[in-house]
C-alpha atoms as a PDB file:
ATOM      1  CA  MET A   1      -0.070  -0.056  -0.134  1.00  0.00           C
ATOM      2  CA  PRO A   2       1.196   3.734  -0.315  1.00  0.00           C
ATOM      3  CA  LEU A   3       3.354   5.023   2.525  1.00  0.00           C
ATOM      4  CA  THR A   4       0.985   7.441   3.632  1.00  0.00           C
ATOM      5  CA  SER A   5      -2.199   5.117   3.851  1.00  0.00           C
ATOM      6  CA  ALA A   6       0.123   2.699   5.616  1.00  0.00           C
ATOM      7  CA  LEU A   7       0.969   5.323   8.351  1.00  0.00           C
ATOM      8  CA  LEU A   8      -2.398   6.808   8.614  1.00  0.00           C
ATOM      9  CA  GLY A   9      -3.770   3.270   8.904  1.00  0.00           C
ATOM     10  CA  PHE A  10      -1.166   1.934  11.364  1.00  0.00           C
ATOM     11  CA  ALA A  11      -1.846   5.461  13.507  1.00  0.00           C
ATOM     12  CA  ALA A  12      -5.576   4.615  14.085  1.00  0.00           C
ATOM     13  CA  VAL A  13      -4.452   1.186  15.331  1.00  0.00           C
ATOM     14  CA  ALA A  14      -1.551   2.528  17.451  1.00  0.00           C
ATOM     15  CA  ALA A  15      -3.970   5.150  18.850  1.00  0.00           C
ATOM     16  CA  LEU A  16      -6.571   2.484  20.133  1.00  0.00           C
ATOM     17  CA  MET A  17      -3.718   0.616  21.607  1.00  0.00           C
ATOM     18  CA  THR A  18      -2.262   3.279  23.299  1.00  0.00           C
ATOM     19  CA  LEU A  19      -5.533   4.184  25.015  1.00  0.00           C
ATOM     20  CA  ILE A  20      -6.182   0.882  26.566  1.00  0.00           C
ATOM     21  CA  PRO A  21      -5.008   1.142  30.208  1.00  0.00           C
ATOM     22  CA  GLY A  22      -2.309  -1.161  31.294  1.00  0.00           C
ATOM     23  CA  ILE A  23       1.112  -1.684  32.560  1.00  0.00           C
ATOM     24  CA  ASP A  24       2.271   1.406  30.823  1.00  0.00           C
ATOM     25  CA  THR A  25      -0.524   3.708  32.056  1.00  0.00           C
ATOM     26  CA  ALA A  26      -0.048   2.449  35.536  1.00  0.00           C
ATOM     27  CA  LEU A  27       3.642   2.968  35.941  1.00  0.00           C
ATOM     28  CA  VAL A  28       3.392   6.488  34.306  1.00  0.00           C
ATOM     29  CA  LEU A  29       0.463   7.464  36.376  1.00  0.00           C
ATOM     30  CA  ARG A  30       2.296   6.202  39.834  1.00  0.00           C
ATOM     31  CA  THR A  31       5.674   7.831  39.072  1.00  0.00           C
ATOM     32  CA  SER A  32       4.450  11.151  38.357  1.00  0.00           C
ATOM     33  CA  ILE A  33       2.301  11.163  41.222  1.00  0.00           C
ATOM     34  CA  THR A  34       4.659   9.995  43.703  1.00  0.00           C
ATOM     35  CA  LYS A  35       8.096  11.105  42.479  1.00  0.00           C
ATOM     36  CA  SER A  36       8.627  14.153  39.804  1.00  0.00           C
ATOM     37  CA  ARG A  37       7.232  15.201  36.614  1.00  0.00           C
ATOM     38  CA  GLN A  38      10.815  14.635  35.402  1.00  0.00           C
ATOM     39  CA  ALA A  39      10.939  11.078  36.518  1.00  0.00           C
ATOM     40  CA  GLY A  40       7.284  10.446  34.800  1.00  0.00           C
ATOM     41  CA  PHE A  41       8.435  11.527  31.488  1.00  0.00           C
ATOM     42  CA  ALA A  42      11.772   9.458  32.002  1.00  0.00           C
ATOM     43  CA  THR A  43       9.226   6.497  32.585  1.00  0.00           C
ATOM     44  CA  ALA A  44       7.164   7.475  29.404  1.00  0.00           C
ATOM     45  CA  LEU A  45      10.618   7.748  27.546  1.00  0.00           C
ATOM     46  CA  GLY A  46      11.677   4.277  28.277  1.00  0.00           C
ATOM     47  CA  ILE A  47       8.440   2.828  27.281  1.00  0.00           C
ATOM     48  CA  GLN A  48       8.881   4.415  24.036  1.00  0.00           C
ATOM     49  CA  THR A  49      12.172   3.463  23.409  1.00  0.00           C
ATOM     50  CA  GLY A  50      11.242  -0.166  23.847  1.00  0.00           C
ATOM     51  CA  VAL A  51       8.483   0.479  21.268  1.00  0.00           C
ATOM     52  CA  LEU A  52      11.168   1.400  19.027  1.00  0.00           C
ATOM     53  CA  PHE A  53      13.012  -1.740  19.825  1.00  0.00           C
ATOM     54  CA  TRP A  54       9.896  -3.858  19.082  1.00  0.00           C
ATOM     55  CA  GLY A  55       9.289  -2.060  15.731  1.00  0.00           C
ATOM     56  CA  ALA A  56      12.629  -2.608  14.432  1.00  0.00           C
ATOM     57  CA  ALA A  57      12.545  -6.286  15.685  1.00  0.00           C
ATOM     58  CA  ALA A  58       9.360  -6.704  13.927  1.00  0.00           C
ATOM     59  CA  GLY A  59      10.891  -5.435  10.753  1.00  0.00           C
ATOM     60  CA  LEU A  60      13.998  -7.382  10.725  1.00  0.00           C
ATOM     61  CA  GLY A  61      11.484 -10.448  11.325  1.00  0.00           C
ATOM     62  CA  ALA A  62      13.023 -11.225  14.740  1.00  0.00           C
ATOM     63  CA  THR A  63       9.548 -11.119  16.714  1.00  0.00           C
ATOM     64  CA  ALA A  64       8.709 -14.029  14.152  1.00  0.00           C
ATOM     65  CA  VAL A  65      10.628 -16.168  16.703  1.00  0.00           C
ATOM     66  CA  LEU A  66       8.337 -15.481  19.354  1.00  0.00           C
ATOM     67  CA  ALA A  67       5.248 -16.655  17.320  1.00  0.00           C
ATOM     68  CA  ALA A  68       7.335 -19.759  15.715  1.00  0.00           C
ATOM     69  CA  SER A  69       8.877 -21.069  18.910  1.00  0.00           C
ATOM     70  CA  GLU A  70       6.588 -21.831  22.068  1.00  0.00           C
ATOM     71  CA  THR A  71       9.566 -22.271  24.036  1.00  0.00           C
ATOM     72  CA  ALA A  72      10.965 -18.864  23.388  1.00  0.00           C
ATOM     73  CA  TYR A  73       7.714 -17.165  24.064  1.00  0.00           C
ATOM     74  CA  ARG A  74       7.227 -19.144  27.154  1.00  0.00           C
ATOM     75  CA  ILE A  75      10.616 -18.057  28.449  1.00  0.00           C
ATOM     76  CA  MET A  76      10.152 -14.494  27.800  1.00  0.00           C
ATOM     77  CA  THR A  77       6.578 -14.356  29.363  1.00  0.00           C
ATOM     78  CA  LEU A  78       7.608 -16.116  32.235  1.00  0.00           C
ATOM     79  CA  ALA A  79      10.703 -13.594  32.635  1.00  0.00           C
ATOM     80  CA  GLY A  80       8.431 -10.804  32.063  1.00  0.00           C
ATOM     81  CA  ALA A  81       5.566 -12.320  34.707  1.00  0.00           C
ATOM     82  CA  ALA A  82       8.316 -12.594  37.335  1.00  0.00           C
ATOM     83  CA  TYR A  83       9.597  -9.031  36.796  1.00  0.00           C
ATOM     84  CA  LEU A  84       6.284  -7.437  37.042  1.00  0.00           C
ATOM     85  CA  ALA A  85       5.686  -9.561  40.196  1.00  0.00           C
ATOM     86  CA  TRP A  86       8.837  -8.736  41.677  1.00  0.00           C
ATOM     87  CA  MET A  87       8.436  -4.988  41.083  1.00  0.00           C
ATOM     88  CA  GLY A  88       4.954  -4.941  42.728  1.00  0.00           C
ATOM     89  CA  ILE A  89       5.892  -6.987  45.624  1.00  0.00           C
ATOM     90  CA  ALA A  90       8.735  -4.513  46.173  1.00  0.00           C
ATOM     91  CA  MET A  91       6.538  -1.767  45.811  1.00  0.00           C
ATOM     92  CA  VAL A  92       3.739  -3.027  48.516  1.00  0.00           C
ATOM     93  CA  VAL A  93       6.484  -4.446  50.854  1.00  0.00           C
ATOM     94  CA  LYS A  94       8.200  -1.080  50.830  1.00  0.00           C
ATOM     95  CA  THR A  95       4.871   0.763  52.011  1.00  0.00           C
ATOM     96  CA  PHE A  96       4.842  -1.581  55.262  1.00  0.00           C
ATOM     97  CA  SER A  97       8.269  -0.163  56.504  1.00  0.00           C
ATOM     98  CA  ARG A  98       7.111   3.557  55.687  1.00  0.00           C
ATOM     99  CA  HIS A  99       6.104   4.853  58.953  1.00  0.00           C
ATOM    100  CA  ASN A 100       4.874   8.636  58.497  1.00  0.00           C
ATOM    101  CA  GLN A 101       7.904   9.458  56.408  1.00  0.00           C
ATOM    102  CA  THR A 102       7.902  12.641  54.362  1.00  0.00           C
ATOM    103  CA  TYR A 103       9.536  13.016  50.945  1.00  0.00           C
ATOM    104  CA  ALA A 104      13.265  13.603  51.058  1.00  0.00           C
ATOM    105  CA  GLU A 105      12.546  16.302  48.472  1.00  0.00           C
ATOM    106  CA  GLY A 106      10.789  18.552  50.684  1.00  0.00           C
ATOM    107  CA  ASN A 107      13.543  18.639  53.326  1.00  0.00           C
ATOM    108  CA  ALA A 108      16.937  18.185  50.996  1.00  0.00           C
ATOM    109  CA  THR A 109      19.105  20.577  49.920  1.00  0.00           C
ATOM    110  CA  GLU A 110      18.949  21.833  46.515  1.00  0.00           C
ATOM    111  CA  GLN A 111      21.986  19.896  45.526  1.00  0.00           C
ATOM    112  CA  GLN A 112      20.571  16.767  47.011  1.00  0.00           C
ATOM    113  CA  ALA A 113      17.203  17.544  45.416  1.00  0.00           C
ATOM    114  CA  ASN A 114      18.817  17.520  42.075  1.00  0.00           C
ATOM    115  CA  ARG A 115      20.649  14.100  42.681  1.00  0.00           C
ATOM    116  CA  LEU A 116      17.263  12.760  43.569  1.00  0.00           C
ATOM    117  CA  VAL A 117      15.649  14.084  40.618  1.00  0.00           C
ATOM    118  CA  ARG A 118      18.539  12.664  38.064  1.00  0.00           C
ATOM    119  CA  GLY A 119      18.209   9.327  40.085  1.00  0.00           C
ATOM    120  CA  GLY A 120      14.626   9.149  39.640  1.00  0.00           C
ATOM    121  CA  ALA A 121      14.661  10.082  35.942  1.00  0.00           C
ATOM    122  CA  TRP A 122      17.414   7.387  35.335  1.00  0.00           C
ATOM    123  CA  ARG A 123      15.398   4.828  37.207  1.00  0.00           C
ATOM    124  CA  GLY A 124      12.352   5.804  35.602  1.00  0.00           C
ATOM    125  CA  TRP A 125      13.706   5.282  32.213  1.00  0.00           C
ATOM    126  CA  THR A 126      15.132   1.927  32.730  1.00  0.00           C
ATOM    127  CA  THR A 127      11.985   0.660  34.680  1.00  0.00           C
ATOM    128  CA  GLY A 128       9.982   1.835  31.535  1.00  0.00           C
ATOM    129  CA  LEU A 129      12.338   0.227  29.050  1.00  0.00           C
ATOM    130  CA  ILE A 130      12.737  -3.151  30.850  1.00  0.00           C
ATOM    131  CA  THR A 131       8.923  -3.306  31.474  1.00  0.00           C
ATOM    132  CA  ASN A 132       8.136  -3.000  27.808  1.00  0.00           C
ATOM    133  CA  LEU A 133      10.779  -5.334  26.579  1.00  0.00           C
ATOM    134  CA  LEU A 134       9.850  -8.034  29.001  1.00  0.00           C
ATOM    135  CA  ASN A 135       6.250  -8.027  27.302  1.00  0.00           C
ATOM    136  CA  PRO A 136       6.285 -10.468  24.646  1.00  0.00           C
ATOM    137  CA  LYS A 137       2.378  -9.348  23.822  1.00  0.00           C
ATOM    138  CA  VAL A 138       3.955  -6.160  22.467  1.00  0.00           C
ATOM    139  CA  GLY A 139       6.291  -8.035  19.965  1.00  0.00           C
ATOM    140  CA  VAL A 140       3.309 -10.478  18.917  1.00  0.00           C
ATOM    141  CA  PHE A 141       1.424  -7.197  18.368  1.00  0.00           C
ATOM    142  CA  TYR A 142       3.933  -5.815  15.951  1.00  0.00           C
ATOM    143  CA  LEU A 143       4.251  -9.310  14.482  1.00  0.00           C
ATOM    144  CA  ALA A 144       0.638  -9.425  13.642  1.00  0.00           C
ATOM    145  CA  THR A 145       0.231  -5.655  12.399  1.00  0.00           C
ATOM    146  CA  ILE A 146       3.219  -4.414  10.889  1.00  0.00           C
ATOM    147  CA  PRO A 147       2.959  -6.852   7.993  1.00  0.00           C
ATOM    148  CA  GLN A 148      -0.429  -5.545   7.084  1.00  0.00           C
ATOM    149  CA  PHE A 149       0.941  -2.025   6.825  1.00  0.00           C
ATOM    150  CA  MET A 150       4.282  -2.368   4.689  1.00  0.00           C
ATOM    151  CA  ALA A 151       4.542   0.173   2.067  1.00  0.00           C
ATOM    152  CA  ALA A 152       5.845  -0.454  -1.432  1.00  0.00           C
ATOM    153  CA  ASP A 153       9.676   0.324  -2.194  1.00  0.00           C
ATOM    154  CA  VAL A 154      10.211   0.963   1.725  1.00  0.00           C
ATOM    155  CA  ALA A 155      12.853  -1.402   3.457  1.00  0.00           C
ATOM    156  CA  PRO A 156      11.307  -3.478   6.102  1.00  0.00           C
ATOM    157  CA  LEU A 157      13.394  -2.311   8.898  1.00  0.00           C
ATOM    158  CA  ALA A 158      12.897   1.468   8.066  1.00  0.00           C
ATOM    159  CA  MET A 159       9.070   0.542   7.705  1.00  0.00           C
ATOM    160  CA  GLY A 160       9.302  -1.114  11.100  1.00  0.00           C
ATOM    161  CA  LEU A 161      11.092   1.738  12.417  1.00  0.00           C
ATOM    162  CA  LEU A 162       8.568   4.306  10.927  1.00  0.00           C
ATOM    163  CA  LEU A 163       5.590   2.434  12.171  1.00  0.00           C
ATOM    164  CA  ALA A 164       6.805   2.393  15.399  1.00  0.00           C
ATOM    165  CA  ALA A 165       7.786   5.974  15.556  1.00  0.00           C
ATOM    166  CA  VAL A 166       3.756   6.654  14.618  1.00  0.00           C
ATOM    167  CA  HIS A 167       3.307   4.434  17.778  1.00  0.00           C
ATOM    168  CA  VAL A 168       5.686   6.456  19.985  1.00  0.00           C
ATOM    169  CA  ALA A 169       3.918   9.754  18.548  1.00  0.00           C
ATOM    170  CA  CYS A 170       0.815   8.423  20.038  1.00  0.00           C
ATOM    171  CA  GLY A 171       2.472   7.227  23.233  1.00  0.00           C
ATOM    172  CA  VAL A 172       4.008  10.498  23.945  1.00  0.00           C
ATOM    173  CA  ILE A 173       0.860  12.638  23.527  1.00  0.00           C
ATOM    174  CA  TRP A 174      -0.983  10.410  25.874  1.00  0.00           C
ATOM    175  CA  CYS A 175       2.010  10.062  28.392  1.00  0.00           C
ATOM    176  CA  SER A 176       2.381  13.659  28.643  1.00  0.00           C
ATOM    177  CA  ILE A 177      -1.276  13.942  29.372  1.00  0.00           C
ATOM    178  CA  LEU A 178      -0.694  11.416  32.230  1.00  0.00           C
ATOM    179  CA  VAL A 179       2.626  12.953  33.538  1.00  0.00           C
ATOM    180  CA  LEU A 180       1.158  16.511  33.575  1.00  0.00           C
ATOM    181  CA  GLY A 181      -2.144  15.306  35.228  1.00  0.00           C
ATOM    182  CA  GLY A 182      -0.518  12.985  37.560  1.00  0.00           C
ATOM    183  CA  SER A 183       2.201  15.576  38.880  1.00  0.00           C
ATOM    184  CA  ALA A 184      -0.380  18.145  39.345  1.00  0.00           C
ATOM    185  CA  LEU A 185      -2.486  15.632  41.306  1.00  0.00           C
ATOM    186  CA  GLY A 186       0.611  14.439  43.212  1.00  0.00           C
ATOM    187  CA  SER A 187       1.404  18.213  44.282  1.00  0.00           C
ATOM    188  CA  ARG A 188      -1.839  18.381  46.081  1.00  0.00           C
ATOM    189  CA  LEU A 189      -2.017  14.656  47.101  1.00  0.00           C
ATOM    190  CA  LYS A 190       1.718  13.879  47.951  1.00  0.00           C
ATOM    191  CA  SER A 191       1.182  12.839  51.616  1.00  0.00           C
ATOM    192  CA  ALA A 192       2.687   9.640  53.234  1.00  0.00           C
ATOM    193  CA  ALA A 193      -0.840   8.011  53.742  1.00  0.00           C
ATOM    194  CA  PHE A 194      -1.722   8.733  49.987  1.00  0.00           C
ATOM    195  CA  VAL A 195       1.611   7.522  48.542  1.00  0.00           C
ATOM    196  CA  THR A 196       1.349   4.378  50.667  1.00  0.00           C
ATOM    197  CA  TRP A 197      -1.827   3.292  49.292  1.00  0.00           C
ATOM    198  CA  LEU A 198      -1.159   4.457  45.849  1.00  0.00           C
ATOM    199  CA  ASP A 199       1.926   2.074  45.999  1.00  0.00           C
ATOM    200  CA  ARG A 200      -0.161  -0.840  47.387  1.00  0.00           C
ATOM    201  CA  ILE A 201      -2.788  -0.521  44.538  1.00  0.00           C
ATOM    202  CA  THR A 202      -0.085  -0.125  41.671  1.00  0.00           C
ATOM    203  CA  GLY A 203       1.958  -3.039  43.059  1.00  0.00           C
ATOM    204  CA  GLY A 204      -1.300  -4.988  43.151  1.00  0.00           C
ATOM    205  CA  ILE A 205      -1.877  -4.174  39.615  1.00  0.00           C
ATOM    206  CA  LEU A 206       1.699  -5.015  38.821  1.00  0.00           C
ATOM    207  CA  ILE A 207       1.350  -8.199  40.740  1.00  0.00           C
ATOM    208  CA  ALA A 208      -1.979  -8.936  38.803  1.00  0.00           C
ATOM    209  CA  PHE A 209      -0.457  -8.435  35.487  1.00  0.00           C
ATOM    210  CA  GLY A 210       2.404 -10.708  36.140  1.00  0.00           C
ATOM    211  CA  ALA A 211      -0.064 -13.413  37.427  1.00  0.00           C
ATOM    212  CA  LYS A 212      -2.089 -13.143  34.304  1.00  0.00           C
ATOM    213  CA  LEU A 213       0.898 -13.399  32.118  1.00  0.00           C
ATOM    214  CA  ALA A 214       2.247 -16.551  34.071  1.00  0.00           C
ATOM    215  CA  TRP A 215      -1.407 -18.083  33.777  1.00  0.00           C
ATOM    216  CA  ASP A 216      -1.474 -17.388  30.073  1.00  0.00           C
ATOM    217  CA  VAL A 217       1.229 -19.752  29.511  1.00  0.00           C
ATOM    218  CA  ARG A 218       0.595 -22.315  32.007  1.00  0.00           C
END
């Protein structure tokens, strides 16, 4: 199909996928509310970096391995499930050792606060990236959709990256809304009790997603 038609058609599919609530939405919102706007954007950037990777892999045909090899799919799915469960459990456990603690940012010096922001941004990016890369369903989604939107006279790798870039654009717009809304909410509700329950709810969601992934490949 023509390149313009391919990009527009995939944009409609990618927009729908982006708006469906999932792990990405939970992570970005939680980070924006409990940490900082910078950490929220960094988490979103990590997720979109993973999207670019999957787009390139699909363009090269690497994601076909996940569909063709049941063993490869099961191993990656279980790794993703274990990572999500570990992250969720750690998040919940941490809340029980948090006794009326206030955020260090509120009492830190300017230099200490800057270090916290940088550390939060790096951790947010790596968390977003790993979470996306360990979700084989993202790879299967790309494997199933990208061949339907290949344009004539465009190399598969280039086309995969172009389509992934469209998905990233949709993700950046949606995540920006989440980050700005979450950080604005967090500035009003960033109390120890609120953060504790938010972490417990988010941790529970991550554990549930991990359990579902593991159940799907039982």
